[in-house]
N, C-alpha and C. Protein backbone atom coordinates (compact mmCIF):
# COMPACT_ATOMS: atom_id res chain seq x y z
N MET A 1 -77.99 -68.38 -78.00
CA MET A 1 -77.15 -69.46 -77.52
C MET A 1 -77.72 -70.05 -76.23
N GLN A 2 -78.29 -69.20 -75.37
CA GLN A 2 -78.83 -69.68 -74.10
C GLN A 2 -79.95 -70.70 -74.32
N ASN A 3 -80.79 -70.47 -75.35
CA ASN A 3 -81.86 -71.43 -75.63
C ASN A 3 -81.28 -72.79 -76.00
N LEU A 4 -80.24 -72.78 -76.78
CA LEU A 4 -79.60 -74.02 -77.20
C LEU A 4 -79.00 -74.75 -76.00
N ILE A 5 -78.33 -74.00 -75.14
CA ILE A 5 -77.73 -74.60 -73.95
C ILE A 5 -78.80 -75.24 -73.07
N HIS A 6 -79.87 -74.52 -72.82
CA HIS A 6 -80.94 -75.07 -71.98
C HIS A 6 -81.63 -76.26 -72.65
N TYR A 7 -81.75 -76.21 -73.96
CA TYR A 7 -82.34 -77.33 -74.70
C TYR A 7 -81.56 -78.61 -74.44
N PHE A 8 -80.25 -78.52 -74.46
CA PHE A 8 -79.43 -79.72 -74.25
C PHE A 8 -79.29 -80.07 -72.77
N LEU A 9 -79.23 -79.08 -71.90
CA LEU A 9 -79.12 -79.38 -70.47
C LEU A 9 -80.37 -80.06 -69.93
N ASP A 10 -81.48 -79.80 -70.56
CA ASP A 10 -82.75 -80.40 -70.13
C ASP A 10 -82.96 -81.75 -70.82
N THR A 11 -81.94 -82.59 -70.77
CA THR A 11 -81.98 -83.90 -71.42
C THR A 11 -81.67 -84.97 -70.38
N PRO A 12 -82.60 -85.91 -70.19
CA PRO A 12 -82.44 -86.86 -69.08
C PRO A 12 -81.40 -87.96 -69.28
N ASP A 13 -81.12 -88.33 -70.54
CA ASP A 13 -80.20 -89.45 -70.74
C ASP A 13 -79.63 -89.43 -72.16
N ALA A 14 -78.74 -90.39 -72.43
CA ALA A 14 -78.06 -90.44 -73.73
C ALA A 14 -79.03 -90.68 -74.88
N ALA A 15 -80.03 -91.50 -74.67
CA ALA A 15 -81.00 -91.79 -75.74
C ALA A 15 -81.77 -90.52 -76.11
N ALA A 16 -82.17 -89.75 -75.10
CA ALA A 16 -82.89 -88.50 -75.36
C ALA A 16 -81.96 -87.50 -76.05
N MET A 17 -80.68 -87.49 -75.65
CA MET A 17 -79.72 -86.59 -76.28
C MET A 17 -79.56 -86.95 -77.76
N GLU A 18 -79.48 -88.22 -78.05
CA GLU A 18 -79.36 -88.66 -79.45
C GLU A 18 -80.57 -88.21 -80.26
N GLN A 19 -81.76 -88.34 -79.69
CA GLN A 19 -82.97 -87.90 -80.38
C GLN A 19 -82.93 -86.40 -80.66
N LYS A 20 -82.49 -85.63 -79.67
CA LYS A 20 -82.42 -84.19 -79.85
C LYS A 20 -81.40 -83.82 -80.93
N LEU A 21 -80.24 -84.45 -80.89
CA LEU A 21 -79.22 -84.16 -81.90
C LEU A 21 -79.72 -84.52 -83.30
N ASN A 22 -80.37 -85.66 -83.43
CA ASN A 22 -80.89 -86.08 -84.74
C ASN A 22 -82.00 -85.16 -85.23
N ALA A 23 -82.78 -84.61 -84.31
CA ALA A 23 -83.85 -83.69 -84.70
C ALA A 23 -83.30 -82.33 -85.11
N LEU A 24 -82.24 -81.92 -84.47
CA LEU A 24 -81.71 -80.58 -84.68
C LEU A 24 -80.70 -80.49 -85.82
N LEU A 25 -79.89 -81.54 -85.99
CA LEU A 25 -78.78 -81.50 -86.94
C LEU A 25 -78.99 -82.45 -88.11
N THR A 26 -78.39 -82.10 -89.25
CA THR A 26 -78.41 -83.00 -90.40
C THR A 26 -77.35 -84.08 -90.18
N PRO A 27 -77.44 -85.18 -90.90
CA PRO A 27 -76.40 -86.22 -90.78
C PRO A 27 -74.99 -85.66 -91.05
N ASN A 28 -74.88 -84.74 -92.00
CA ASN A 28 -73.58 -84.14 -92.31
C ASN A 28 -73.06 -83.31 -91.13
N GLU A 29 -73.95 -82.56 -90.48
CA GLU A 29 -73.54 -81.76 -89.33
C GLU A 29 -73.09 -82.65 -88.18
N ILE A 30 -73.77 -83.75 -87.97
CA ILE A 30 -73.38 -84.70 -86.93
C ILE A 30 -72.02 -85.29 -87.25
N SER A 31 -71.80 -85.63 -88.51
CA SER A 31 -70.51 -86.18 -88.94
C SER A 31 -69.39 -85.18 -88.71
N GLU A 32 -69.65 -83.90 -89.02
CA GLU A 32 -68.65 -82.86 -88.80
C GLU A 32 -68.32 -82.70 -87.32
N MET A 33 -69.32 -82.77 -86.48
CA MET A 33 -69.08 -82.66 -85.03
C MET A 33 -68.24 -83.84 -84.55
N GLN A 34 -68.53 -85.03 -85.05
CA GLN A 34 -67.75 -86.20 -84.67
C GLN A 34 -66.30 -86.06 -85.13
N ARG A 35 -66.10 -85.52 -86.32
CA ARG A 35 -64.74 -85.30 -86.83
C ARG A 35 -63.99 -84.30 -85.95
N ARG A 36 -64.68 -83.25 -85.53
CA ARG A 36 -64.04 -82.26 -84.65
C ARG A 36 -63.65 -82.88 -83.32
N LEU A 37 -64.49 -83.76 -82.81
CA LEU A 37 -64.15 -84.45 -81.56
C LEU A 37 -62.93 -85.36 -81.77
N GLN A 38 -62.84 -86.00 -82.94
CA GLN A 38 -61.66 -86.81 -83.26
C GLN A 38 -60.41 -85.94 -83.28
N ILE A 39 -60.52 -84.77 -83.87
CA ILE A 39 -59.38 -83.84 -83.92
C ILE A 39 -58.96 -83.49 -82.50
N PHE A 40 -59.92 -83.13 -81.65
CA PHE A 40 -59.60 -82.82 -80.25
C PHE A 40 -58.87 -83.98 -79.58
N ALA A 41 -59.40 -85.19 -79.75
CA ALA A 41 -58.81 -86.36 -79.09
C ALA A 41 -57.38 -86.60 -79.57
N LEU A 42 -57.16 -86.50 -80.87
CA LEU A 42 -55.82 -86.73 -81.41
C LEU A 42 -54.85 -85.64 -80.96
N LEU A 43 -55.31 -84.39 -80.91
CA LEU A 43 -54.47 -83.31 -80.42
C LEU A 43 -54.08 -83.56 -78.97
N GLU A 44 -55.05 -83.98 -78.16
CA GLU A 44 -54.77 -84.26 -76.76
C GLU A 44 -53.81 -85.43 -76.59
N ASP A 45 -53.79 -86.34 -77.57
CA ASP A 45 -52.86 -87.48 -77.54
C ASP A 45 -51.47 -87.09 -78.05
N GLY A 46 -51.32 -85.83 -78.48
CA GLY A 46 -50.02 -85.36 -78.92
C GLY A 46 -49.70 -85.63 -80.38
N VAL A 47 -50.69 -86.03 -81.17
CA VAL A 47 -50.47 -86.27 -82.59
C VAL A 47 -50.28 -84.92 -83.28
N SER A 48 -49.35 -84.87 -84.21
CA SER A 48 -49.09 -83.60 -84.91
C SER A 48 -50.27 -83.21 -85.79
N GLN A 49 -50.38 -81.91 -86.02
CA GLN A 49 -51.48 -81.42 -86.85
C GLN A 49 -51.43 -82.00 -88.26
N ARG A 50 -50.25 -82.10 -88.82
CA ARG A 50 -50.13 -82.66 -90.18
C ARG A 50 -50.56 -84.13 -90.21
N GLU A 51 -50.20 -84.88 -89.17
CA GLU A 51 -50.59 -86.29 -89.12
C GLU A 51 -52.10 -86.43 -88.95
N ILE A 52 -52.69 -85.57 -88.15
CA ILE A 52 -54.15 -85.60 -87.97
C ILE A 52 -54.84 -85.32 -89.30
N ALA A 53 -54.38 -84.29 -90.00
CA ALA A 53 -54.97 -83.95 -91.30
C ALA A 53 -54.89 -85.15 -92.24
N LYS A 54 -53.74 -85.82 -92.24
CA LYS A 54 -53.55 -86.98 -93.10
C LYS A 54 -54.47 -88.13 -92.69
N GLN A 55 -54.50 -88.43 -91.40
CA GLN A 55 -55.32 -89.55 -90.89
C GLN A 55 -56.81 -89.36 -91.17
N LEU A 56 -57.29 -88.13 -90.97
CA LEU A 56 -58.72 -87.88 -91.09
C LEU A 56 -59.14 -87.39 -92.47
N GLY A 57 -58.17 -87.10 -93.32
CA GLY A 57 -58.50 -86.63 -94.66
C GLY A 57 -59.11 -85.24 -94.67
N VAL A 58 -58.61 -84.38 -93.77
CA VAL A 58 -59.10 -83.01 -93.71
C VAL A 58 -57.93 -82.07 -93.98
N GLY A 59 -58.23 -80.82 -94.23
CA GLY A 59 -57.19 -79.84 -94.47
C GLY A 59 -56.49 -79.44 -93.19
N ILE A 60 -55.27 -78.99 -93.33
CA ILE A 60 -54.49 -78.55 -92.18
C ILE A 60 -55.18 -77.37 -91.49
N ALA A 61 -55.87 -76.52 -92.26
CA ALA A 61 -56.59 -75.38 -91.67
C ALA A 61 -57.69 -75.87 -90.72
N THR A 62 -58.34 -76.96 -91.07
CA THR A 62 -59.39 -77.54 -90.21
C THR A 62 -58.79 -77.98 -88.88
N VAL A 63 -57.63 -78.62 -88.94
CA VAL A 63 -56.97 -79.09 -87.72
C VAL A 63 -56.48 -77.91 -86.90
N THR A 64 -55.93 -76.91 -87.57
CA THR A 64 -55.45 -75.72 -86.86
C THR A 64 -56.60 -75.02 -86.15
N ARG A 65 -57.74 -74.93 -86.81
CA ARG A 65 -58.93 -74.32 -86.20
C ARG A 65 -59.35 -75.14 -84.98
N GLY A 66 -59.29 -76.47 -85.09
CA GLY A 66 -59.61 -77.33 -83.96
C GLY A 66 -58.62 -77.15 -82.82
N SER A 67 -57.36 -76.97 -83.15
CA SER A 67 -56.33 -76.76 -82.14
C SER A 67 -56.58 -75.47 -81.38
N ARG A 68 -56.93 -74.41 -82.10
CA ARG A 68 -57.22 -73.13 -81.44
C ARG A 68 -58.46 -73.25 -80.55
N ALA A 69 -59.48 -73.93 -81.03
CA ALA A 69 -60.71 -74.10 -80.25
C ALA A 69 -60.44 -74.90 -78.98
N LEU A 70 -59.63 -75.94 -79.10
CA LEU A 70 -59.30 -76.76 -77.94
C LEU A 70 -58.51 -75.95 -76.92
N LYS A 71 -57.58 -75.14 -77.40
CA LYS A 71 -56.79 -74.28 -76.50
C LYS A 71 -57.71 -73.31 -75.76
N GLU A 72 -58.67 -72.72 -76.47
CA GLU A 72 -59.61 -71.80 -75.83
C GLU A 72 -60.43 -72.51 -74.76
N LEU A 73 -60.87 -73.74 -75.05
CA LEU A 73 -61.62 -74.51 -74.06
C LEU A 73 -60.79 -74.74 -72.80
N LYS A 74 -59.55 -75.13 -73.00
CA LYS A 74 -58.67 -75.42 -71.85
C LYS A 74 -58.35 -74.15 -71.08
N ASP A 75 -58.25 -73.02 -71.77
CA ASP A 75 -57.98 -71.75 -71.10
C ASP A 75 -59.14 -71.33 -70.20
N HIS A 76 -60.34 -71.80 -70.51
CA HIS A 76 -61.53 -71.42 -69.74
C HIS A 76 -61.93 -72.46 -68.70
N GLU A 77 -61.16 -73.51 -68.57
CA GLU A 77 -61.49 -74.54 -67.57
C GLU A 77 -61.00 -74.15 -66.21
C-alpha cells in the first residue's frame, strides 16, 4: 500500500494524476471509483441509501458498503 500512496503523492498536477490513473486502472475500475465518489457525495447530502441505490442503479449492499467506508473515513479525520 505504501508504494501506491507514494506513487500518487509524487504527482505534480491534475493532468499527471489523470495519466497515472489511466495507466494503472481499467476504464471499468475508474468508473467504479467515480460511482463510489457519487455515493459518498449523496450520503453526505443526506440522501437515503435506498434513494441512492435507485438513482445510481446499484444494489443497496453497494451503498451500505459505501456508507460504512465513509463513516470510517470520518472517524479517522
